[in-house]
Amino acid sequence: MEPGNQTRVTEFILMGLSEEAKMQPLLFGLFLFMYLTTFIGNLLIILAIITDSHLHTPMYLFLSNLSFVDICFTSTTVPKMLLNIKTQSHIITYEGCLSQMYFFMFFGQLDNFLLTVMSYDRFVAICHPLHYTVIMSPKLCGLLLLASWLLSALDSLLHDLMILRLSFCTELKIPHFFCELNQVVHLACSDTFLNDVVIYFVIGLLGVIPLTGIFLSYSKIISSILKMSSTEGKFKAFSTCGSHLSVVFLFYGTFVGVYLSSAATQNPMESAIASVMYTVVTPMLNPFIYSLRNKDIKQALKKMIS
């Protein structure tokens, strides 16, 4: 594309999940319900942990951070989608698109790191119970959280800066309900090779390494549990890890499933529909998984409500 045919981009068009008019009220009601459920459910988890002094431990410190991140993660995409449906406008400004991409990647990556940190916490609790309070000191917990937030912020900033170097032409329709990084990159009419390299490199570095850490932690946890002689001890250990393991499978399973299906179908709109699983459904289900499988959380919620 010749430089003369390029203009400065001021806005993009979000195509959403469906262009059919009769589907818009249904989508609005469904996503509003899921967003409110996510917000209230995760907020209750945070309040229960704050108000109950028995839950002021590393495990629940990380869980409260995860609940806060899930609220923010959903809030980066769903409110804009609801606004677009309500106003019948599909426009998002260039600056708004960059901001949405930044915070979506930031909170998504933070979710990834927090799940890894929580798996390490469970590894220490089960494999080294006598040294748990010494190893998981307030200083280490603070450093782990700080590192997670900083790495997530730098990762998101890198991708946004890479987008700023791209030139966009006339085709500015994003076949998604939010500014998804790959979709925006593919709209550029300038060379995107460097962007693709950075995207795959970062996914490999900040995606595979944390997931490997989770697998290593749980391999040692399972090995340690199987060596226990007491059946009651095994059950207690498995129940301690059950909630976190369910969330890990849900988060990574939906994420990987979406990208494998989108690679197989090559249909951007189908990919957008499938991405609802990890962007909206997973953050909505997390508080239910933790509250239903964790008696400490259930007791704290009952105590807070009563």
C-alpha atoms as a PDB file:
ATOM      1  CA  MET A   1       0.000   0.000   0.000  1.00  0.00           C
ATOM      2  CA  GLU A   2       1.399   3.370  -0.973  1.00  0.00           C
ATOM      3  CA  PRO A   3       2.012   5.901   1.834  1.00  0.00           C
ATOM      4  CA  GLY A   4      -0.318   8.348   0.102  1.00  0.00           C
ATOM      5  CA  ASN A   5      -3.280   6.025   0.610  1.00  0.00           C
ATOM      6  CA  GLN A   6      -2.679   5.809   4.359  1.00  0.00           C
ATOM      7  CA  THR A   7      -4.416   8.111   6.816  1.00  0.00           C
ATOM      8  CA  ARG A   8      -4.127   8.456  10.553  1.00  0.00           C
ATOM      9  CA  VAL A   9      -6.576   6.064  12.210  1.00  0.00           C
ATOM     10  CA  THR A  10      -9.046   7.700  14.602  1.00  0.00           C
ATOM     11  CA  GLU A  11     -11.437   4.807  15.206  1.00  0.00           C
ATOM     12  CA  PHE A  12     -12.153   1.126  14.649  1.00  0.00           C
ATOM     13  CA  ILE A  13     -15.457  -0.699  14.169  1.00  0.00           C
ATOM     14  CA  LEU A  14     -16.216  -3.618  16.505  1.00  0.00           C
ATOM     15  CA  MET A  15     -18.445  -6.080  14.652  1.00  0.00           C
ATOM     16  CA  GLY A  16     -19.603  -7.795  17.848  1.00  0.00           C
ATOM     17  CA  LEU A  17     -20.920 -11.359  18.076  1.00  0.00           C
ATOM     18  CA  SER A  18     -23.902 -10.953  15.747  1.00  0.00           C
ATOM     19  CA  GLU A  19     -25.158  -8.347  13.286  1.00  0.00           C
ATOM     20  CA  GLU A  20     -28.771  -9.555  13.476  1.00  0.00           C
ATOM     21  CA  ALA A  21     -31.026  -6.905  15.061  1.00  0.00           C
ATOM     22  CA  LYS A  22     -33.270  -9.444  16.815  1.00  0.00           C
ATOM     23  CA  MET A  23     -30.240 -10.955  18.591  1.00  0.00           C
ATOM     24  CA  GLN A  24     -29.115  -7.678  20.188  1.00  0.00           C
ATOM     25  CA  PRO A  25     -31.618  -7.610  23.133  1.00  0.00           C
ATOM     26  CA  LEU A  26     -30.792 -11.264  23.915  1.00  0.00           C
ATOM     27  CA  LEU A  27     -27.036 -10.597  23.847  1.00  0.00           C
ATOM     28  CA  PHE A  28     -27.471  -7.485  25.997  1.00  0.00           C
ATOM     29  CA  GLY A  29     -29.488  -9.334  28.643  1.00  0.00           C
ATOM     30  CA  LEU A  30     -27.189 -12.376  28.655  1.00  0.00           C
ATOM     31  CA  PHE A  31     -23.939 -10.427  28.946  1.00  0.00           C
ATOM     32  CA  LEU A  32     -25.372  -8.024  31.526  1.00  0.00           C
ATOM     33  CA  PHE A  33     -26.402 -11.012  33.665  1.00  0.00           C
ATOM     34  CA  MET A  34     -22.971 -12.660  33.331  1.00  0.00           C
ATOM     35  CA  TYR A  35     -21.147  -9.405  34.077  1.00  0.00           C
ATOM     36  CA  LEU A  36     -23.197  -8.682  37.209  1.00  0.00           C
ATOM     37  CA  THR A  37     -22.771 -12.275  38.381  1.00  0.00           C
ATOM     38  CA  THR A  38     -19.007 -12.017  37.882  1.00  0.00           C
ATOM     39  CA  PHE A  39     -18.795  -8.662  39.648  1.00  0.00           C
ATOM     40  CA  ILE A  40     -20.945  -9.600  42.645  1.00  0.00           C
ATOM     41  CA  GLY A  41     -19.521 -13.120  43.031  1.00  0.00           C
ATOM     42  CA  ASN A  42     -15.884 -12.009  43.027  1.00  0.00           C
ATOM     43  CA  LEU A  43     -16.660  -8.976  45.203  1.00  0.00           C
ATOM     44  CA  LEU A  44     -18.233 -11.265  47.836  1.00  0.00           C
ATOM     45  CA  ILE A  45     -15.087 -13.420  47.837  1.00  0.00           C
ATOM     46  CA  ILE A  46     -12.915 -10.328  48.410  1.00  0.00           C
ATOM     47  CA  LEU A  47     -15.155  -8.983  51.198  1.00  0.00           C
ATOM     48  CA  ALA A  48     -15.326 -12.400  52.900  1.00  0.00           C
ATOM     49  CA  ILE A  49     -11.519 -12.638  52.952  1.00  0.00           C
ATOM     50  CA  ILE A  50     -11.097  -9.053  54.209  1.00  0.00           C
ATOM     51  CA  THR A  51     -13.666  -9.355  57.018  1.00  0.00           C
ATOM     52  CA  ASP A  52     -12.612 -12.789  58.332  1.00  0.00           C
ATOM     53  CA  SER A  53      -9.285 -12.675  60.169  1.00  0.00           C
ATOM     54  CA  HIS A  54      -8.939 -16.481  59.839  1.00  0.00           C
ATOM     55  CA  LEU A  55      -8.520 -16.015  56.092  1.00  0.00           C
ATOM     56  CA  HIS A  56      -5.601 -13.597  56.350  1.00  0.00           C
ATOM     57  CA  THR A  57      -3.151 -16.163  54.996  1.00  0.00           C
ATOM     58  CA  PRO A  58      -1.046 -16.296  51.793  1.00  0.00           C
ATOM     59  CA  MET A  59      -3.506 -18.634  50.068  1.00  0.00           C
ATOM     60  CA  TYR A  60      -6.432 -16.254  50.534  1.00  0.00           C
ATOM     61  CA  LEU A  61      -4.306 -13.189  49.854  1.00  0.00           C
ATOM     62  CA  PHE A  62      -3.612 -14.586  46.381  1.00  0.00           C
ATOM     63  CA  LEU A  63      -7.275 -15.596  45.978  1.00  0.00           C
ATOM     64  CA  SER A  64      -8.494 -12.077  46.779  1.00  0.00           C
ATOM     65  CA  ASN A  65      -6.063 -10.718  44.179  1.00  0.00           C
ATOM     66  CA  LEU A  66      -7.364 -13.258  41.646  1.00  0.00           C
ATOM     67  CA  SER A  67     -10.968 -12.213  42.333  1.00  0.00           C
ATOM     68  CA  PHE A  68     -10.066  -8.535  41.908  1.00  0.00           C
ATOM     69  CA  VAL A  69      -8.261  -9.285  38.638  1.00  0.00           C
ATOM     70  CA  ASP A  70     -11.247 -11.302  37.346  1.00  0.00           C
ATOM     71  CA  ILE A  71     -13.534  -8.301  37.959  1.00  0.00           C
ATOM     72  CA  CYS A  72     -11.131  -6.001  36.098  1.00  0.00           C
ATOM     73  CA  PHE A  73     -10.524  -8.536  33.306  1.00  0.00           C
ATOM     74  CA  THR A  74     -14.244  -8.747  32.504  1.00  0.00           C
ATOM     75  CA  SER A  75     -14.697  -4.991  32.944  1.00  0.00           C
ATOM     76  CA  THR A  76     -12.256  -4.252  30.108  1.00  0.00           C
ATOM     77  CA  THR A  77     -14.539  -5.784  27.468  1.00  0.00           C
ATOM     78  CA  VAL A  78     -18.149  -6.371  28.551  1.00  0.00           C
ATOM     79  CA  PRO A  79     -19.229  -2.798  29.516  1.00  0.00           C
ATOM     80  CA  LYS A  80     -18.051  -1.476  26.123  1.00  0.00           C
ATOM     81  CA  MET A  81     -19.916  -4.278  24.371  1.00  0.00           C
ATOM     82  CA  LEU A  82     -23.114  -3.508  26.332  1.00  0.00           C
ATOM     83  CA  LEU A  83     -22.750   0.189  25.512  1.00  0.00           C
ATOM     84  CA  ASN A  84     -22.336  -0.569  21.804  1.00  0.00           C
ATOM     85  CA  ILE A  85     -25.459  -2.750  21.799  1.00  0.00           C
ATOM     86  CA  LYS A  86     -27.485  -0.159  23.714  1.00  0.00           C
ATOM     87  CA  THR A  87     -26.454   2.790  21.530  1.00  0.00           C
ATOM     88  CA  GLN A  88     -26.428   0.762  18.287  1.00  0.00           C
ATOM     89  CA  SER A  89     -22.904   2.044  17.694  1.00  0.00           C
ATOM     90  CA  HIS A  90     -19.952  -0.229  16.886  1.00  0.00           C
ATOM     91  CA  ILE A  91     -17.289   2.473  17.027  1.00  0.00           C
ATOM     92  CA  ILE A  92     -14.304   2.470  19.377  1.00  0.00           C
ATOM     93  CA  THR A  93     -11.672   5.197  19.158  1.00  0.00           C
ATOM     94  CA  TYR A  94      -8.060   4.401  18.302  1.00  0.00           C
ATOM     95  CA  GLU A  95      -6.964   5.475  21.792  1.00  0.00           C
ATOM     96  CA  GLY A  96      -9.823   3.502  23.338  1.00  0.00           C
ATOM     97  CA  CYS A  97      -8.800   0.415  21.385  1.00  0.00           C
ATOM     98  CA  LEU A  98      -5.184   0.699  22.551  1.00  0.00           C
ATOM     99  CA  SER A  99      -6.332   1.165  26.157  1.00  0.00           C
ATOM    100  CA  GLN A 100      -8.669  -1.818  25.950  1.00  0.00           C
ATOM    101  CA  MET A 101      -5.919  -4.010  24.496  1.00  0.00           C
ATOM    102  CA  TYR A 102      -3.489  -2.904  27.194  1.00  0.00           C
ATOM    103  CA  PHE A 103      -5.770  -3.641  30.145  1.00  0.00           C
ATOM    104  CA  PHE A 104      -7.145  -6.852  28.612  1.00  0.00           C
ATOM    105  CA  MET A 105      -3.635  -8.261  28.153  1.00  0.00           C
ATOM    106  CA  PHE A 106      -2.528  -6.861  31.519  1.00  0.00           C
ATOM    107  CA  PHE A 107      -5.264  -8.536  33.565  1.00  0.00           C
ATOM    108  CA  GLY A 108      -5.210 -11.694  31.432  1.00  0.00           C
ATOM    109  CA  GLN A 109      -1.470 -12.119  31.983  1.00  0.00           C
ATOM    110  CA  LEU A 110      -1.897 -11.284  35.674  1.00  0.00           C
ATOM    111  CA  ASP A 111      -4.455 -14.101  35.936  1.00  0.00           C
ATOM    112  CA  ASN A 112      -1.818 -16.403  34.458  1.00  0.00           C
ATOM    113  CA  PHE A 113       0.863 -15.377  36.972  1.00  0.00           C
ATOM    114  CA  LEU A 114      -1.475 -15.509  39.976  1.00  0.00           C
ATOM    115  CA  LEU A 115      -2.531 -19.067  39.150  1.00  0.00           C
ATOM    116  CA  THR A 116       1.162 -19.996  38.998  1.00  0.00           C
ATOM    117  CA  VAL A 117       1.904 -18.321  42.339  1.00  0.00           C
ATOM    118  CA  MET A 118      -1.099 -20.068  43.910  1.00  0.00           C
ATOM    119  CA  SER A 119       0.143 -23.450  42.678  1.00  0.00           C
ATOM    120  CA  TYR A 120       3.510 -22.772  44.342  1.00  0.00           C
ATOM    121  CA  ASP A 121       1.692 -21.839  47.557  1.00  0.00           C
ATOM    122  CA  ARG A 122      -0.193 -25.182  47.487  1.00  0.00           C
ATOM    123  CA  PHE A 123       3.083 -27.016  46.769  1.00  0.00           C
ATOM    124  CA  VAL A 124       4.717 -25.526  49.868  1.00  0.00           C
ATOM    125  CA  ALA A 125       1.620 -26.139  52.029  1.00  0.00           C
ATOM    126  CA  ILE A 126       1.422 -29.850  51.143  1.00  0.00           C
ATOM    127  CA  CYS A 127       5.033 -30.839  50.491  1.00  0.00           C
ATOM    128  CA  HIS A 128       6.631 -28.674  53.218  1.00  0.00           C
ATOM    129  CA  PRO A 129       3.868 -28.075  55.798  1.00  0.00           C
ATOM    130  CA  LEU A 130       6.234 -27.589  58.766  1.00  0.00           C
ATOM    131  CA  HIS A 131       8.122 -24.825  56.972  1.00  0.00           C
ATOM    132  CA  TYR A 132       5.092 -23.205  55.329  1.00  0.00           C
ATOM    133  CA  THR A 133       4.954 -20.063  57.484  1.00  0.00           C
ATOM    134  CA  VAL A 134       8.708 -19.570  57.125  1.00  0.00           C
ATOM    135  CA  ILE A 135       8.825 -20.056  53.328  1.00  0.00           C
ATOM    136  CA  MET A 136       5.599 -18.190  52.522  1.00  0.00           C
ATOM    137  CA  SER A 137       6.555 -15.137  54.546  1.00  0.00           C
ATOM    138  CA  PRO A 138       4.777 -11.796  54.062  1.00  0.00           C
ATOM    139  CA  LYS A 139       7.900 -10.506  52.306  1.00  0.00           C
ATOM    140  CA  LEU A 140       7.943 -13.350  49.745  1.00  0.00           C
ATOM    141  CA  CYS A 141       4.183 -13.045  49.144  1.00  0.00           C
ATOM    142  CA  GLY A 142       4.581  -9.318  48.545  1.00  0.00           C
ATOM    143  CA  LEU A 143       7.481  -9.878  46.146  1.00  0.00           C
ATOM    144  CA  LEU A 144       5.570 -12.542  44.198  1.00  0.00           C
ATOM    145  CA  LEU A 145       2.577 -10.231  43.808  1.00  0.00           C
ATOM    146  CA  LEU A 146       4.770  -7.259  42.884  1.00  0.00           C
ATOM    147  CA  ALA A 147       6.640  -9.306  40.266  1.00  0.00           C
ATOM    148  CA  SER A 148       3.344 -10.554  38.801  1.00  0.00           C
ATOM    149  CA  TRP A 149       1.930  -7.027  38.480  1.00  0.00           C
ATOM    150  CA  LEU A 150       5.144  -5.549  37.036  1.00  0.00           C
ATOM    151  CA  LEU A 151       5.713  -8.317  34.467  1.00  0.00           C
ATOM    152  CA  SER A 152       2.080  -8.083  33.339  1.00  0.00           C
ATOM    153  CA  ALA A 153       2.340  -4.303  32.962  1.00  0.00           C
ATOM    154  CA  LEU A 154       5.564  -4.547  30.939  1.00  0.00           C
ATOM    155  CA  ASP A 155       4.149  -7.288  28.718  1.00  0.00           C
ATOM    156  CA  SER A 156       1.042  -5.215  27.892  1.00  0.00           C
ATOM    157  CA  LEU A 157       3.107  -2.079  27.321  1.00  0.00           C
ATOM    158  CA  LEU A 158       5.375  -3.924  24.872  1.00  0.00           C
ATOM    159  CA  HIS A 159       2.418  -5.080  22.750  1.00  0.00           C
ATOM    160  CA  ASP A 160       0.828  -1.618  22.745  1.00  0.00           C
ATOM    161  CA  LEU A 161       4.096  -0.012  21.657  1.00  0.00           C
ATOM    162  CA  MET A 162       4.367  -2.572  18.856  1.00  0.00           C
ATOM    163  CA  ILE A 163       0.873  -1.605  17.673  1.00  0.00           C
ATOM    164  CA  LEU A 164       1.868   2.091  17.566  1.00  0.00           C
ATOM    165  CA  ARG A 165       4.464   1.338  14.879  1.00  0.00           C
ATOM    166  CA  LEU A 166       1.821  -0.087  12.511  1.00  0.00           C
ATOM    167  CA  SER A 167       0.022   1.828   9.755  1.00  0.00           C
ATOM    168  CA  PHE A 168      -3.672   1.213   9.103  1.00  0.00           C
ATOM    169  CA  CYS A 169      -5.570   1.883   5.892  1.00  0.00           C
ATOM    170  CA  THR A 170      -9.294   1.818   5.132  1.00  0.00           C
ATOM    171  CA  GLU A 171     -10.394  -1.636   6.335  1.00  0.00           C
ATOM    172  CA  LEU A 172     -10.906  -0.990  10.054  1.00  0.00           C
ATOM    173  CA  LYS A 173     -13.592  -3.546  10.943  1.00  0.00           C
ATOM    174  CA  ILE A 174     -12.597  -5.853  13.816  1.00  0.00           C
ATOM    175  CA  PRO A 175     -14.567  -9.150  13.668  1.00  0.00           C
ATOM    176  CA  HIS A 176     -14.755  -9.329  17.465  1.00  0.00           C
ATOM    177  CA  PHE A 177     -16.586  -7.755  20.408  1.00  0.00           C
ATOM    178  CA  PHE A 178     -13.369  -6.182  21.725  1.00  0.00           C
ATOM    179  CA  CYS A 179      -9.980  -5.072  20.401  1.00  0.00           C
ATOM    180  CA  GLU A 180      -8.248  -8.438  20.298  1.00  0.00           C
ATOM    181  CA  LEU A 181      -4.508  -8.128  19.635  1.00  0.00           C
ATOM    182  CA  ASN A 182      -4.234 -10.567  16.702  1.00  0.00           C
ATOM    183  CA  GLN A 183      -7.290  -9.132  14.963  1.00  0.00           C
ATOM    184  CA  VAL A 184      -5.941  -5.569  15.208  1.00  0.00           C
ATOM    185  CA  VAL A 185      -2.494  -6.597  13.953  1.00  0.00           C
ATOM    186  CA  HIS A 186      -4.046  -8.325  10.923  1.00  0.00           C
ATOM    187  CA  LEU A 187      -5.842  -5.092   9.968  1.00  0.00           C
ATOM    188  CA  ALA A 188      -2.529  -3.272   9.451  1.00  0.00           C
ATOM    189  CA  CYS A 189      -1.384  -2.563   5.906  1.00  0.00           C
ATOM    190  CA  SER A 190       2.266  -2.231   6.965  1.00  0.00           C
ATOM    191  CA  ASP A 191       4.642  -5.126   7.663  1.00  0.00           C
ATOM    192  CA  THR A 192       3.559  -7.090  10.764  1.00  0.00           C
ATOM    193  CA  PHE A 193       6.370  -9.661  10.848  1.00  0.00           C
ATOM    194  CA  LEU A 194       8.046  -8.126  13.895  1.00  0.00           C
ATOM    195  CA  ASN A 195       4.698  -7.922  15.706  1.00  0.00           C
ATOM    196  CA  ASP A 196       4.028 -11.611  15.033  1.00  0.00           C
ATOM    197  CA  VAL A 197       7.495 -12.554  16.279  1.00  0.00           C
ATOM    198  CA  VAL A 198       6.995 -10.587  19.507  1.00  0.00           C
ATOM    199  CA  ILE A 199       3.520 -12.059  20.070  1.00  0.00           C
ATOM    200  CA  TYR A 200       4.680 -15.673  19.676  1.00  0.00           C
ATOM    201  CA  PHE A 201       7.867 -15.093  21.660  1.00  0.00           C
ATOM    202  CA  VAL A 202       5.986 -13.555  24.593  1.00  0.00           C
ATOM    203  CA  ILE A 203       3.331 -16.302  24.521  1.00  0.00           C
ATOM    204  CA  GLY A 204       6.128 -18.866  24.610  1.00  0.00           C
ATOM    205  CA  LEU A 205       8.005 -17.122  27.411  1.00  0.00           C
ATOM    206  CA  LEU A 206       5.207 -15.828  29.656  1.00  0.00           C
ATOM    207  CA  GLY A 207       2.680 -18.527  28.779  1.00  0.00           C
ATOM    208  CA  VAL A 208       4.589 -21.797  28.647  1.00  0.00           C
ATOM    209  CA  ILE A 209       6.938 -21.115  31.599  1.00  0.00           C
ATOM    210  CA  PRO A 210       4.156 -20.384  34.158  1.00  0.00           C
ATOM    211  CA  LEU A 211       2.153 -23.378  32.892  1.00  0.00           C
ATOM    212  CA  THR A 212       5.244 -25.568  33.256  1.00  0.00           C
ATOM    213  CA  GLY A 213       5.641 -24.267  36.816  1.00  0.00           C
ATOM    214  CA  ILE A 214       2.045 -25.276  37.583  1.00  0.00           C
ATOM    215  CA  PHE A 215       2.590 -28.778  36.165  1.00  0.00           C
ATOM    216  CA  LEU A 216       5.805 -29.233  38.154  1.00  0.00           C
ATOM    217  CA  SER A 217       4.141 -28.049  41.375  1.00  0.00           C
ATOM    218  CA  TYR A 218       1.208 -30.411  40.953  1.00  0.00           C
ATOM    219  CA  SER A 219       3.374 -33.347  39.943  1.00  0.00           C
ATOM    220  CA  LYS A 220       5.217 -32.988  43.265  1.00  0.00           C
ATOM    221  CA  ILE A 221       1.932 -32.383  45.125  1.00  0.00           C
ATOM    222  CA  ILE A 222       0.339 -35.558  43.708  1.00  0.00           C
ATOM    223  CA  SER A 223       3.497 -37.558  44.409  1.00  0.00           C
ATOM    224  CA  SER A 224       3.506 -36.302  48.007  1.00  0.00           C
ATOM    225  CA  ILE A 225      -0.208 -37.056  48.511  1.00  0.00           C
ATOM    226  CA  LEU A 226       0.122 -40.620  47.199  1.00  0.00           C
ATOM    227  CA  LYS A 227       2.849 -41.266  49.773  1.00  0.00           C
ATOM    228  CA  MET A 228       0.494 -40.375  52.645  1.00  0.00           C
ATOM    229  CA  SER A 229      -0.653 -43.361  54.661  1.00  0.00           C
ATOM    230  CA  SER A 230      -3.821 -41.750  56.021  1.00  0.00           C
ATOM    231  CA  THR A 231      -6.888 -41.783  53.758  1.00  0.00           C
ATOM    232  CA  GLU A 232      -8.261 -38.773  55.612  1.00  0.00           C
ATOM    233  CA  GLY A 233      -4.996 -36.912  55.018  1.00  0.00           C
ATOM    234  CA  LYS A 234      -5.122 -37.683  51.297  1.00  0.00           C
ATOM    235  CA  PHE A 235      -8.721 -36.473  51.047  1.00  0.00           C
ATOM    236  CA  LYS A 236      -7.911 -33.262  52.925  1.00  0.00           C
ATOM    237  CA  ALA A 237      -4.893 -32.574  50.715  1.00  0.00           C
ATOM    238  CA  PHE A 238      -6.854 -33.192  47.510  1.00  0.00           C
ATOM    239  CA  SER A 239      -9.725 -30.974  48.707  1.00  0.00           C
ATOM    240  CA  THR A 240      -7.222 -28.200  49.496  1.00  0.00           C
ATOM    241  CA  CYS A 241      -5.977 -28.231  45.888  1.00  0.00           C
ATOM    242  CA  GLY A 242      -9.263 -29.115  44.205  1.00  0.00           C
ATOM    243  CA  SER A 243     -10.580 -25.565  43.806  1.00  0.00           C
ATOM    244  CA  HIS A 244      -7.355 -24.173  42.415  1.00  0.00           C
ATOM    245  CA  LEU A 245      -6.846 -27.113  40.074  1.00  0.00           C
ATOM    246  CA  SER A 246     -10.408 -26.694  38.730  1.00  0.00           C
ATOM    247  CA  VAL A 247      -9.762 -23.007  38.015  1.00  0.00           C
ATOM    248  CA  VAL A 248      -6.434 -23.841  36.313  1.00  0.00           C
ATOM    249  CA  PHE A 249      -8.108 -26.375  33.998  1.00  0.00           C
ATOM    250  CA  LEU A 250     -10.943 -23.958  33.277  1.00  0.00           C
ATOM    251  CA  PHE A 251      -8.642 -21.000  32.495  1.00  0.00           C
ATOM    252  CA  TYR A 252      -6.051 -22.786  30.362  1.00  0.00           C
ATOM    253  CA  GLY A 253      -8.498 -25.305  28.879  1.00  0.00           C
ATOM    254  CA  THR A 254     -10.844 -22.642  27.496  1.00  0.00           C
ATOM    255  CA  PHE A 255      -7.958 -20.432  26.333  1.00  0.00           C
ATOM    256  CA  VAL A 256      -6.161 -23.219  24.472  1.00  0.00           C
ATOM    257  CA  GLY A 257      -9.451 -24.609  23.152  1.00  0.00           C
ATOM    258  CA  VAL A 258     -10.439 -21.248  21.669  1.00  0.00           C
ATOM    259  CA  TYR A 259      -7.146 -20.757  19.849  1.00  0.00           C
ATOM    260  CA  LEU A 260      -7.013 -24.326  18.552  1.00  0.00           C
ATOM    261  CA  SER A 261     -10.572 -24.079  17.235  1.00  0.00           C
ATOM    262  CA  SER A 262      -9.939 -20.675  15.650  1.00  0.00           C
ATOM    263  CA  ALA A 263      -6.802 -22.029  13.966  1.00  0.00           C
ATOM    264  CA  ALA A 264      -8.803 -24.964  12.618  1.00  0.00           C
ATOM    265  CA  THR A 265     -11.830 -23.008  11.359  1.00  0.00           C
ATOM    266  CA  GLN A 266     -10.054 -19.808  10.244  1.00  0.00           C
ATOM    267  CA  ASN A 267     -13.357 -18.012  10.929  1.00  0.00           C
ATOM    268  CA  PRO A 268     -12.838 -14.776  12.947  1.00  0.00           C
ATOM    269  CA  MET A 269     -16.499 -14.538  14.004  1.00  0.00           C
ATOM    270  CA  GLU A 270     -16.532 -18.126  15.324  1.00  0.00           C
ATOM    271  CA  SER A 271     -13.324 -17.331  17.200  1.00  0.00           C
ATOM    272  CA  ALA A 272     -15.007 -14.266  18.754  1.00  0.00           C
ATOM    273  CA  ILE A 273     -17.949 -16.360  19.954  1.00  0.00           C
ATOM    274  CA  ALA A 274     -15.627 -19.026  21.373  1.00  0.00           C
ATOM    275  CA  SER A 275     -13.508 -16.416  23.198  1.00  0.00           C
ATOM    276  CA  VAL A 276     -16.535 -15.611  25.375  1.00  0.00           C
ATOM    277  CA  MET A 277     -15.553 -18.735  27.342  1.00  0.00           C
ATOM    278  CA  TYR A 278     -12.279 -17.371  28.728  1.00  0.00           C
ATOM    279  CA  THR A 279     -13.175 -13.663  28.719  1.00  0.00           C
ATOM    280  CA  VAL A 280     -16.574 -13.871  30.457  1.00  0.00           C
ATOM    281  CA  VAL A 281     -17.587 -17.398  31.508  1.00  0.00           C
ATOM    282  CA  THR A 282     -14.372 -18.374  33.336  1.00  0.00           C
ATOM    283  CA  PRO A 283     -14.211 -15.228  35.568  1.00  0.00           C
ATOM    284  CA  MET A 284     -17.932 -15.749  36.329  1.00  0.00           C
ATOM    285  CA  LEU A 285     -17.454 -19.384  37.427  1.00  0.00           C
ATOM    286  CA  ASN A 286     -14.316 -18.869  39.548  1.00  0.00           C
ATOM    287  CA  PRO A 287     -16.095 -17.538  42.687  1.00  0.00           C
ATOM    288  CA  PHE A 288     -18.603 -20.409  42.533  1.00  0.00           C
ATOM    289  CA  ILE A 289     -15.786 -22.961  42.309  1.00  0.00           C
ATOM    290  CA  TYR A 290     -13.986 -21.494  45.326  1.00  0.00           C
ATOM    291  CA  SER A 291     -17.105 -20.914  47.443  1.00  0.00           C
ATOM    292  CA  LEU A 292     -18.682 -24.326  46.765  1.00  0.00           C
ATOM    293  CA  ARG A 293     -15.502 -26.366  47.280  1.00  0.00           C
ATOM    294  CA  ASN A 294     -13.979 -24.413  50.157  1.00  0.00           C
ATOM    295  CA  LYS A 295     -15.621 -24.661  53.579  1.00  0.00           C
ATOM    296  CA  ASP A 296     -13.571 -21.720  54.955  1.00  0.00           C
ATOM    297  CA  ILE A 297     -14.938 -19.415  52.240  1.00  0.00           C
ATOM    298  CA  LYS A 298     -18.487 -20.716  52.793  1.00  0.00           C
ATOM    299  CA  GLN A 299     -18.224 -20.076  56.539  1.00  0.00           C
ATOM    300  CA  ALA A 300     -16.798 -16.591  55.958  1.00  0.00           C
ATOM    301  CA  LEU A 301     -19.611 -15.744  53.510  1.00  0.00           C
ATOM    302  CA  LYS A 302     -22.284 -16.981  55.957  1.00  0.00           C
ATOM    303  CA  LYS A 303     -20.670 -15.019  58.781  1.00  0.00           C
ATOM    304  CA  MET A 304     -20.468 -11.847  56.671  1.00  0.00           C
ATOM    305  CA  ILE A 305     -24.073 -12.105  55.428  1.00  0.00           C
ATOM    306  CA  SER A 306     -25.490 -12.919  58.880  1.00  0.00           C
END
